[in-house]
Amino acid sequence: MTARPSPPRVLIPAPTPVQPAEIEWRLPRHSRSVGRARNLLRSQAGSWDLPDELVETAVLLLSELMTNACRHARVPPGRQIVTRSVLSGGTLRVEVSDASSGLPTPCHASPDDESGRGLALVAALADAWGAHPRVCGIGKTVWFELGLPAAGR
């Protein structure tokens, strides 16, 4: 009697939770929201397993955009700031939207100025950045993009 070969075993991996490739937070227009946005982005970037250097750059640039939205957006009380992060095609895109229609323009801070360098920092560290009016017609969105290193793709 010959032994029958056993049927091939198929191993099915256990399901793993899928992290969203896009996430959005709505925060009050308050200086404390800057730190909250940094923490939220850092946490989400960790779940996306992004490289530490990219995360620190993204958190710094988000902080600059959030600070600008809190300081310069002249809007009625109660309006929120919307922060959106999208991971797609090897690029992290971070957006900050507020209800103010004024588009940001980089200024040239003198060595003695205590502020005014945020957008220059964004322009220097981001792979791309820009601003546009929001599709809904109220306010603007300021964004930046950072490419993932080749090994992280």
Protein backbone atom coordinates (compact mmCIF):
# COMPACT_ATOMS: atom_id res chain seq x y z
CA MET A 1 0.00 0.00 0.00
CA THR A 2 1.48 3.31 -1.02
CA ALA A 3 1.08 6.35 1.13
CA ARG A 4 -0.99 9.08 -0.34
CA PRO A 5 0.67 12.44 -0.37
CA SER A 6 -0.95 14.79 2.03
CA PRO A 7 -2.67 17.79 0.48
CA PRO A 8 -0.62 20.97 0.38
CA ARG A 9 -1.09 23.18 3.40
CA VAL A 10 -2.09 26.72 2.72
CA LEU A 11 -1.00 29.18 5.33
CA ILE A 12 -3.21 32.20 5.60
CA PRO A 13 -1.61 35.04 7.50
CA ALA A 14 -3.56 36.58 10.33
CA PRO A 15 -5.26 39.79 9.31
CA THR A 16 -3.35 42.91 10.18
CA PRO A 17 -5.05 46.21 10.83
CA VAL A 18 -4.85 48.52 7.84
CA GLN A 19 -3.87 52.05 8.68
CA PRO A 20 -5.64 54.80 6.78
CA ALA A 21 -3.59 56.46 4.09
CA GLU A 22 -5.42 59.69 4.84
CA ILE A 23 -6.45 61.26 8.13
CA GLU A 24 -7.96 64.58 9.16
CA TRP A 25 -8.24 66.45 12.45
CA ARG A 26 -10.36 69.48 13.32
CA LEU A 27 -8.87 71.64 16.03
CA PRO A 28 -9.92 74.91 17.66
CA ARG A 29 -8.09 78.05 16.56
CA HIS A 30 -6.02 78.27 19.72
CA SER A 31 -2.28 78.20 20.41
CA ARG A 32 -2.65 74.87 22.29
CA SER A 33 -3.82 73.27 19.04
CA VAL A 34 -0.32 73.63 17.60
CA GLY A 35 1.11 71.13 20.09
CA ARG A 36 -1.93 68.89 19.74
CA ALA A 37 -1.49 68.79 15.94
CA ARG A 38 2.21 67.90 16.35
CA ASN A 39 1.33 65.00 18.67
CA LEU A 40 -1.42 63.72 16.37
CA LEU A 41 0.85 63.78 13.32
CA ARG A 42 3.72 62.13 15.19
CA SER A 43 1.39 59.35 16.35
CA GLN A 44 -0.11 58.80 12.90
CA ALA A 45 3.31 58.81 11.24
CA GLY A 46 4.39 56.12 13.71
CA SER A 47 1.46 53.94 12.69
CA TRP A 48 2.48 54.47 9.05
CA ASP A 49 6.02 53.43 10.02
CA LEU A 50 7.58 56.55 8.50
CA PRO A 51 11.30 57.23 9.00
CA ASP A 52 12.12 59.31 12.09
CA GLU A 53 13.91 62.06 10.15
CA LEU A 54 10.95 62.56 7.83
CA VAL A 55 8.56 62.59 10.81
CA GLU A 56 10.56 65.24 12.64
CA THR A 57 10.66 67.44 9.53
CA ALA A 58 6.92 66.99 8.95
CA VAL A 59 6.12 67.81 12.58
CA LEU A 60 8.28 70.96 12.44
CA LEU A 61 6.65 72.17 9.22
CA LEU A 62 3.15 71.38 10.48
CA SER A 63 3.95 73.40 13.59
CA GLU A 64 4.86 76.39 11.41
CA LEU A 65 1.65 76.17 9.36
CA MET A 66 -0.52 75.68 12.45
CA THR A 67 1.14 78.64 14.18
CA ASN A 68 0.44 80.83 11.15
CA ALA A 69 -3.20 79.72 11.08
CA CYS A 70 -3.62 80.47 14.79
CA ARG A 71 -1.85 83.83 14.67
CA HIS A 72 -2.85 85.32 11.34
CA ALA A 73 -6.25 83.91 10.36
CA ARG A 74 -8.68 86.72 11.07
CA VAL A 75 -11.89 84.78 11.46
CA PRO A 76 -14.91 84.80 13.77
CA PRO A 77 -14.59 82.91 17.07
CA GLY A 78 -15.45 79.25 16.91
CA ARG A 79 -13.94 78.58 13.50
CA GLN A 80 -11.74 75.51 13.39
CA ILE A 81 -8.45 74.67 11.74
CA VAL A 82 -8.47 71.49 9.69
CA THR A 83 -5.27 69.47 9.41
CA ARG A 84 -5.12 66.69 6.84
CA SER A 85 -2.30 64.21 6.20
CA VAL A 86 -2.15 61.93 3.16
CA LEU A 87 0.39 59.21 2.44
CA SER A 88 0.35 58.33 -1.24
CA GLY A 89 2.85 57.16 -3.82
CA GLY A 90 5.89 57.64 -1.62
CA THR A 91 4.91 61.17 -0.61
CA LEU A 92 3.56 62.57 2.63
CA ARG A 93 1.31 65.59 2.05
CA VAL A 94 0.21 67.69 5.03
CA GLU A 95 -2.45 70.39 4.70
CA VAL A 96 -3.67 73.07 7.09
CA SER A 97 -6.95 74.82 6.24
CA ASP A 98 -8.50 77.81 7.97
CA ALA A 99 -11.39 80.17 7.29
CA SER A 100 -9.24 83.18 6.42
CA SER A 101 -9.07 83.98 2.72
CA GLY A 102 -5.66 85.71 2.81
CA LEU A 103 -3.02 83.58 1.11
CA PRO A 104 0.33 83.50 2.90
CA THR A 105 3.36 85.22 1.46
CA PRO A 106 6.88 84.57 2.73
CA CYS A 107 8.52 87.59 4.31
CA HIS A 108 12.17 88.36 4.73
CA ALA A 109 12.91 88.53 8.43
CA SER A 110 15.90 90.50 9.57
CA PRO A 111 18.37 88.87 11.98
CA ASP A 112 16.78 90.83 14.84
CA ASP A 113 13.19 89.77 14.09
CA GLU A 114 11.69 87.24 16.51
CA SER A 115 9.26 85.83 13.95
CA GLY A 116 8.64 85.77 10.22
CA ARG A 117 10.74 82.76 9.22
CA GLY A 118 8.07 80.04 9.17
CA LEU A 119 7.30 79.98 5.45
CA ALA A 120 10.98 80.32 4.59
CA LEU A 121 11.58 77.22 6.69
CA VAL A 122 8.75 75.39 4.92
CA ALA A 123 10.16 76.39 1.53
CA ALA A 124 13.65 75.26 2.51
CA LEU A 125 12.74 71.87 3.99
CA ALA A 126 9.71 70.72 1.97
CA ASP A 127 9.99 69.07 -1.43
CA ALA A 128 7.02 71.19 -2.50
CA TRP A 129 4.60 73.58 -0.84
CA GLY A 130 1.86 76.00 -1.75
CA ALA A 131 -1.46 77.56 -0.88
CA HIS A 132 -4.83 77.84 -2.60
CA PRO A 133 -8.37 78.96 -1.83
CA ARG A 134 -10.55 76.18 -0.42
CA VAL A 135 -12.96 74.51 -2.81
CA CYS A 136 -15.89 75.33 -0.50
CA GLY A 137 -15.17 79.03 -1.02
CA ILE A 138 -14.38 79.79 2.62
CA GLY A 139 -10.73 80.19 3.55
CA LYS A 140 -7.55 78.66 2.26
CA THR A 141 -5.38 75.57 2.44
CA VAL A 142 -1.62 75.72 2.91
CA TRP A 143 0.22 72.47 2.23
CA PHE A 144 3.63 70.86 1.98
CA GLU A 145 4.95 67.57 0.65
CA LEU A 146 7.87 65.42 1.74
CA GLY A 147 9.09 62.46 -0.29
CA LEU A 148 9.85 59.22 1.50
CA PRO A 149 13.43 58.00 1.15
CA ALA A 150 13.85 55.21 -1.42
CA ALA A 151 14.32 52.58 1.31
CA GLY A 152 11.04 53.66 2.94
CA ARG A 153 8.96 53.10 -0.17
